[in-house]
Amino acid sequence: LSIRKAARQFGIPRSTLHDHVSGKVNPGATGHCRYLSDREEEELALFLKKSAEIGYPRTRKDAILLAQAIVEVKGLDVQVTEGWWERFRGRHPSLILRKGEPLSQR
């Protein structure tokens, strides 16, 4: 089975298959390393939800800064980015960020 046919048959990008076949990718390599444990992520998600419920919604930037603080306490030398936020949101789809609406005056 050629790389092109395998890519089409299994819905995998041809370049990805080529990289694996040619040895450019470690056989055991996986995606991004998780900075926070499952428990830390659950607690962060719960904090973000509870903050919103009591009237103090947090922004994406707040969430990234909180995650960065946790990472630094753990002693990891990494930068938490927007990409982390997107993956975090994918793992916690119930998190919804909304912009605050001003109260109307009568």
N, C-alpha and C. Protein backbone atom coordinates (compact mmCIF):
# COMPACT_ATOMS: atom_id res chain seq x y z
N LEU A 1 0.86 -1.18 0.00
CA LEU A 1 0.00 0.00 0.00
C LEU A 1 0.90 1.24 0.00
N SER A 2 0.70 2.11 -0.94
CA SER A 2 1.52 3.32 -1.02
C SER A 2 1.09 4.32 0.06
N ILE A 3 1.98 5.27 0.34
CA ILE A 3 1.68 6.31 1.33
C ILE A 3 0.46 7.10 0.88
N ARG A 4 0.40 7.44 -0.38
CA ARG A 4 -0.72 8.22 -0.90
C ARG A 4 -2.05 7.48 -0.72
N LYS A 5 -2.07 6.18 -1.05
CA LYS A 5 -3.30 5.40 -0.92
C LYS A 5 -3.67 5.21 0.55
N ALA A 6 -2.68 4.96 1.38
CA ALA A 6 -2.95 4.79 2.82
C ALA A 6 -3.50 6.09 3.42
N ALA A 7 -2.95 7.22 3.02
CA ALA A 7 -3.42 8.51 3.51
C ALA A 7 -4.88 8.71 3.13
N ARG A 8 -5.20 8.42 1.89
CA ARG A 8 -6.58 8.58 1.42
C ARG A 8 -7.51 7.61 2.14
N GLN A 9 -7.08 6.35 2.28
CA GLN A 9 -7.91 5.31 2.87
C GLN A 9 -8.22 5.59 4.35
N PHE A 10 -7.22 6.10 5.09
CA PHE A 10 -7.40 6.28 6.52
C PHE A 10 -7.64 7.74 6.93
N GLY A 11 -7.67 8.64 5.96
CA GLY A 11 -7.95 10.04 6.27
C GLY A 11 -6.85 10.72 7.06
N ILE A 12 -5.61 10.36 6.77
CA ILE A 12 -4.45 10.95 7.45
C ILE A 12 -3.68 11.77 6.43
N PRO A 13 -3.21 12.95 6.80
CA PRO A 13 -2.43 13.73 5.85
C PRO A 13 -1.23 12.93 5.33
N ARG A 14 -1.00 13.02 4.03
CA ARG A 14 0.10 12.29 3.40
C ARG A 14 1.44 12.65 4.01
N SER A 15 1.62 13.96 4.32
CA SER A 15 2.90 14.39 4.89
C SER A 15 3.13 13.78 6.28
N THR A 16 2.05 13.58 7.03
CA THR A 16 2.19 12.96 8.35
C THR A 16 2.65 11.51 8.21
N LEU A 17 2.02 10.78 7.32
CA LEU A 17 2.44 9.39 7.08
C LEU A 17 3.87 9.33 6.59
N HIS A 18 4.21 10.21 5.67
CA HIS A 18 5.57 10.24 5.13
C HIS A 18 6.58 10.48 6.25
N ASP A 19 6.30 11.41 7.14
CA ASP A 19 7.21 11.70 8.25
C ASP A 19 7.41 10.48 9.14
N HIS A 20 6.34 9.73 9.39
CA HIS A 20 6.46 8.54 10.23
C HIS A 20 7.24 7.43 9.53
N VAL A 21 6.95 7.23 8.26
CA VAL A 21 7.62 6.17 7.49
C VAL A 21 9.10 6.49 7.32
N SER A 22 9.43 7.76 7.11
CA SER A 22 10.82 8.12 6.87
C SER A 22 11.63 8.27 8.16
N GLY A 23 10.98 8.18 9.30
CA GLY A 23 11.70 8.24 10.58
C GLY A 23 11.87 9.64 11.13
N LYS A 24 11.20 10.63 10.55
CA LYS A 24 11.31 12.00 11.06
C LYS A 24 10.62 12.16 12.41
N VAL A 25 9.72 11.24 12.72
CA VAL A 25 8.95 11.31 13.96
C VAL A 25 9.26 10.08 14.79
N ASN A 26 9.46 10.27 16.10
CA ASN A 26 9.67 9.16 17.01
C ASN A 26 8.45 8.25 17.01
N PRO A 27 8.63 6.94 16.97
CA PRO A 27 7.47 6.04 16.97
C PRO A 27 6.56 6.24 18.19
N GLY A 28 7.14 6.57 19.32
CA GLY A 28 6.34 6.74 20.53
C GLY A 28 5.93 8.18 20.79
N ALA A 29 6.23 9.07 19.87
CA ALA A 29 5.96 10.49 20.08
C ALA A 29 4.46 10.74 20.12
N THR A 30 4.07 11.60 21.03
CA THR A 30 2.67 12.01 21.11
C THR A 30 2.60 13.51 20.95
N GLY A 31 1.44 14.06 21.14
CA GLY A 31 1.23 15.49 20.97
C GLY A 31 1.89 16.31 22.06
N HIS A 32 1.29 17.45 22.34
CA HIS A 32 1.83 18.38 23.31
C HIS A 32 1.89 17.77 24.71
N CYS A 33 2.90 18.17 25.45
CA CYS A 33 3.04 17.76 26.84
C CYS A 33 2.04 18.56 27.66
N ARG A 34 1.36 17.91 28.57
CA ARG A 34 0.39 18.60 29.42
C ARG A 34 1.13 19.27 30.57
N TYR A 35 0.89 20.57 30.75
CA TYR A 35 1.54 21.33 31.81
C TYR A 35 0.87 21.08 33.16
N LEU A 36 -0.44 20.89 33.15
CA LEU A 36 -1.20 20.69 34.38
C LEU A 36 -1.75 19.27 34.41
N SER A 37 -1.82 18.73 35.62
CA SER A 37 -2.41 17.40 35.77
C SER A 37 -3.92 17.50 35.54
N ASP A 38 -4.56 16.34 35.41
CA ASP A 38 -6.01 16.34 35.24
C ASP A 38 -6.69 17.03 36.41
N ARG A 39 -6.22 16.76 37.60
CA ARG A 39 -6.82 17.36 38.80
C ARG A 39 -6.62 18.89 38.80
N GLU A 40 -5.42 19.34 38.45
CA GLU A 40 -5.16 20.79 38.40
C GLU A 40 -6.06 21.46 37.37
N GLU A 41 -6.23 20.80 36.23
CA GLU A 41 -7.10 21.36 35.20
C GLU A 41 -8.54 21.41 35.66
N GLU A 42 -9.00 20.35 36.33
CA GLU A 42 -10.37 20.32 36.83
C GLU A 42 -10.59 21.45 37.84
N GLU A 43 -9.61 21.65 38.73
CA GLU A 43 -9.74 22.71 39.73
C GLU A 43 -9.72 24.09 39.08
N LEU A 44 -8.89 24.28 38.07
CA LEU A 44 -8.85 25.56 37.37
C LEU A 44 -10.19 25.80 36.65
N ALA A 45 -10.72 24.78 35.99
CA ALA A 45 -12.00 24.92 35.29
C ALA A 45 -13.11 25.23 36.30
N LEU A 46 -13.11 24.56 37.43
CA LEU A 46 -14.11 24.81 38.46
C LEU A 46 -14.00 26.24 39.00
N PHE A 47 -12.77 26.71 39.22
CA PHE A 47 -12.55 28.07 39.69
C PHE A 47 -13.10 29.08 38.68
N LEU A 48 -12.83 28.86 37.40
CA LEU A 48 -13.31 29.78 36.36
C LEU A 48 -14.84 29.81 36.33
N LYS A 49 -15.47 28.63 36.47
CA LYS A 49 -16.93 28.56 36.47
C LYS A 49 -17.51 29.25 37.69
N LYS A 50 -16.95 28.94 38.87
CA LYS A 50 -17.47 29.52 40.11
C LYS A 50 -17.29 31.03 40.14
N SER A 51 -16.17 31.51 39.63
CA SER A 51 -15.94 32.95 39.57
C SER A 51 -17.03 33.64 38.75
N ALA A 52 -17.38 33.03 37.63
CA ALA A 52 -18.42 33.60 36.77
C ALA A 52 -19.78 33.56 37.47
N GLU A 53 -20.04 32.45 38.17
CA GLU A 53 -21.33 32.31 38.85
C GLU A 53 -21.56 33.37 39.91
N ILE A 54 -20.50 33.81 40.58
CA ILE A 54 -20.66 34.81 41.64
C ILE A 54 -20.46 36.23 41.14
N GLY A 55 -20.36 36.38 39.82
CA GLY A 55 -20.30 37.71 39.24
C GLY A 55 -18.92 38.25 38.94
N TYR A 56 -17.92 37.40 38.98
CA TYR A 56 -16.55 37.81 38.67
C TYR A 56 -15.99 36.93 37.56
N PRO A 57 -16.55 37.08 36.35
CA PRO A 57 -16.06 36.22 35.26
C PRO A 57 -14.61 36.52 34.93
N ARG A 58 -13.89 35.48 34.60
CA ARG A 58 -12.47 35.60 34.24
C ARG A 58 -12.31 35.58 32.73
N THR A 59 -11.28 36.22 32.26
CA THR A 59 -11.00 36.27 30.83
C THR A 59 -10.05 35.14 30.44
N ARG A 60 -9.87 34.99 29.15
CA ARG A 60 -8.90 34.02 28.64
C ARG A 60 -7.51 34.35 29.19
N LYS A 61 -7.18 35.64 29.18
CA LYS A 61 -5.88 36.06 29.69
C LYS A 61 -5.73 35.70 31.17
N ASP A 62 -6.80 35.89 31.96
CA ASP A 62 -6.76 35.50 33.37
C ASP A 62 -6.45 34.01 33.52
N ALA A 63 -7.13 33.19 32.71
CA ALA A 63 -6.94 31.74 32.79
C ALA A 63 -5.51 31.37 32.44
N ILE A 64 -4.96 32.01 31.42
CA ILE A 64 -3.58 31.73 31.01
C ILE A 64 -2.61 32.15 32.11
N LEU A 65 -2.85 33.31 32.71
CA LEU A 65 -1.97 33.77 33.79
C LEU A 65 -2.06 32.86 35.02
N LEU A 66 -3.26 32.37 35.33
CA LEU A 66 -3.41 31.43 36.44
C LEU A 66 -2.66 30.13 36.15
N ALA A 67 -2.80 29.62 34.94
CA ALA A 67 -2.10 28.40 34.55
C ALA A 67 -0.59 28.62 34.61
N GLN A 68 -0.13 29.79 34.16
CA GLN A 68 1.30 30.10 34.20
C GLN A 68 1.80 30.11 35.63
N ALA A 69 1.01 30.66 36.55
CA ALA A 69 1.41 30.69 37.97
C ALA A 69 1.53 29.27 38.52
N ILE A 70 0.60 28.40 38.16
CA ILE A 70 0.65 27.01 38.62
C ILE A 70 1.89 26.32 38.07
N VAL A 71 2.16 26.54 36.79
CA VAL A 71 3.33 25.94 36.14
C VAL A 71 4.62 26.39 36.82
N GLU A 72 4.69 27.67 37.15
CA GLU A 72 5.90 28.20 37.79
C GLU A 72 6.09 27.62 39.19
N VAL A 73 4.99 27.45 39.93
CA VAL A 73 5.07 26.84 41.26
C VAL A 73 5.57 25.40 41.15
N LYS A 74 5.18 24.72 40.07
CA LYS A 74 5.62 23.35 39.85
C LYS A 74 7.08 23.28 39.40
N GLY A 75 7.67 24.44 39.08
CA GLY A 75 9.07 24.47 38.68
C GLY A 75 9.31 24.15 37.21
N LEU A 76 8.27 24.21 36.39
CA LEU A 76 8.43 23.95 34.96
C LEU A 76 8.86 25.22 34.25
N ASP A 77 9.79 25.10 33.34
CA ASP A 77 10.28 26.25 32.60
C ASP A 77 9.60 26.29 31.24
N VAL A 78 8.31 26.61 31.25
CA VAL A 78 7.53 26.68 30.01
C VAL A 78 6.68 27.95 30.02
N GLN A 79 6.26 28.34 28.84
CA GLN A 79 5.38 29.50 28.70
C GLN A 79 3.99 29.00 28.30
N VAL A 80 2.98 29.33 29.09
CA VAL A 80 1.61 28.96 28.76
C VAL A 80 1.11 29.93 27.70
N THR A 81 0.61 29.39 26.60
CA THR A 81 0.25 30.21 25.44
C THR A 81 -1.23 30.09 25.09
N GLU A 82 -1.62 30.84 24.07
CA GLU A 82 -2.99 30.75 23.55
C GLU A 82 -3.29 29.33 23.06
N GLY A 83 -2.27 28.66 22.53
CA GLY A 83 -2.45 27.28 22.08
C GLY A 83 -2.85 26.37 23.24
N TRP A 84 -2.22 26.59 24.41
CA TRP A 84 -2.61 25.82 25.60
C TRP A 84 -4.08 26.08 25.90
N TRP A 85 -4.49 27.35 25.86
CA TRP A 85 -5.88 27.71 26.15
C TRP A 85 -6.84 26.96 25.22
N GLU A 86 -6.52 26.92 23.93
CA GLU A 86 -7.40 26.25 22.97
C GLU A 86 -7.51 24.76 23.29
N ARG A 87 -6.40 24.12 23.63
CA ARG A 87 -6.43 22.70 23.98
C ARG A 87 -7.18 22.49 25.30
N PHE A 88 -6.96 23.39 26.27
CA PHE A 88 -7.66 23.33 27.56
C PHE A 88 -9.16 23.43 27.33
N ARG A 89 -9.58 24.38 26.49
CA ARG A 89 -11.02 24.54 26.19
C ARG A 89 -11.56 23.28 25.51
N GLY A 90 -10.74 22.65 24.68
CA GLY A 90 -11.18 21.41 24.03
C GLY A 90 -11.41 20.30 25.04
N ARG A 91 -10.60 20.29 26.09
CA ARG A 91 -10.77 19.27 27.14
C ARG A 91 -11.87 19.64 28.12
N HIS A 92 -12.28 20.89 28.13
CA HIS A 92 -13.32 21.37 29.05
C HIS A 92 -14.35 22.19 28.26
N PRO A 93 -15.13 21.50 27.42
CA PRO A 93 -16.05 22.22 26.54
C PRO A 93 -17.17 22.96 27.27
N SER A 94 -17.39 22.65 28.53
CA SER A 94 -18.44 23.36 29.26
C SER A 94 -18.02 24.78 29.64
N LEU A 95 -16.73 25.09 29.50
CA LEU A 95 -16.26 26.45 29.77
C LEU A 95 -16.66 27.36 28.62
N ILE A 96 -17.37 28.40 28.95
CA ILE A 96 -17.79 29.35 27.93
C ILE A 96 -17.44 30.74 28.42
N LEU A 97 -16.69 31.47 27.63
CA LEU A 97 -16.36 32.86 27.98
C LEU A 97 -17.31 33.79 27.27
N ARG A 98 -17.87 34.67 28.04
CA ARG A 98 -18.77 35.68 27.47
C ARG A 98 -18.32 37.03 27.95
N LYS A 99 -18.55 38.03 27.11
CA LYS A 99 -18.25 39.39 27.53
C LYS A 99 -19.38 39.87 28.42
N GLY A 100 -19.02 40.62 29.44
CA GLY A 100 -20.03 41.16 30.34
C GLY A 100 -20.91 42.17 29.64
N GLU A 101 -22.15 42.22 30.06
CA GLU A 101 -23.08 43.19 29.50
C GLU A 101 -23.34 44.27 30.55
N PRO A 102 -23.32 45.52 30.15
CA PRO A 102 -23.60 46.58 31.12
C PRO A 102 -25.04 46.53 31.57
N LEU A 103 -25.26 46.90 32.82
CA LEU A 103 -26.63 46.94 33.32
C LEU A 103 -27.34 48.15 32.73
N SER A 104 -28.59 47.95 32.41
CA SER A 104 -29.34 49.09 31.86
C SER A 104 -29.84 49.97 33.00
N GLN A 105 -29.93 51.25 32.73
CA GLN A 105 -30.41 52.20 33.74
C GLN A 105 -31.81 52.63 33.37
N ARG A 106 -32.65 52.76 34.36
CA ARG A 106 -34.04 53.19 34.10
C ARG A 106 -34.28 54.53 34.67
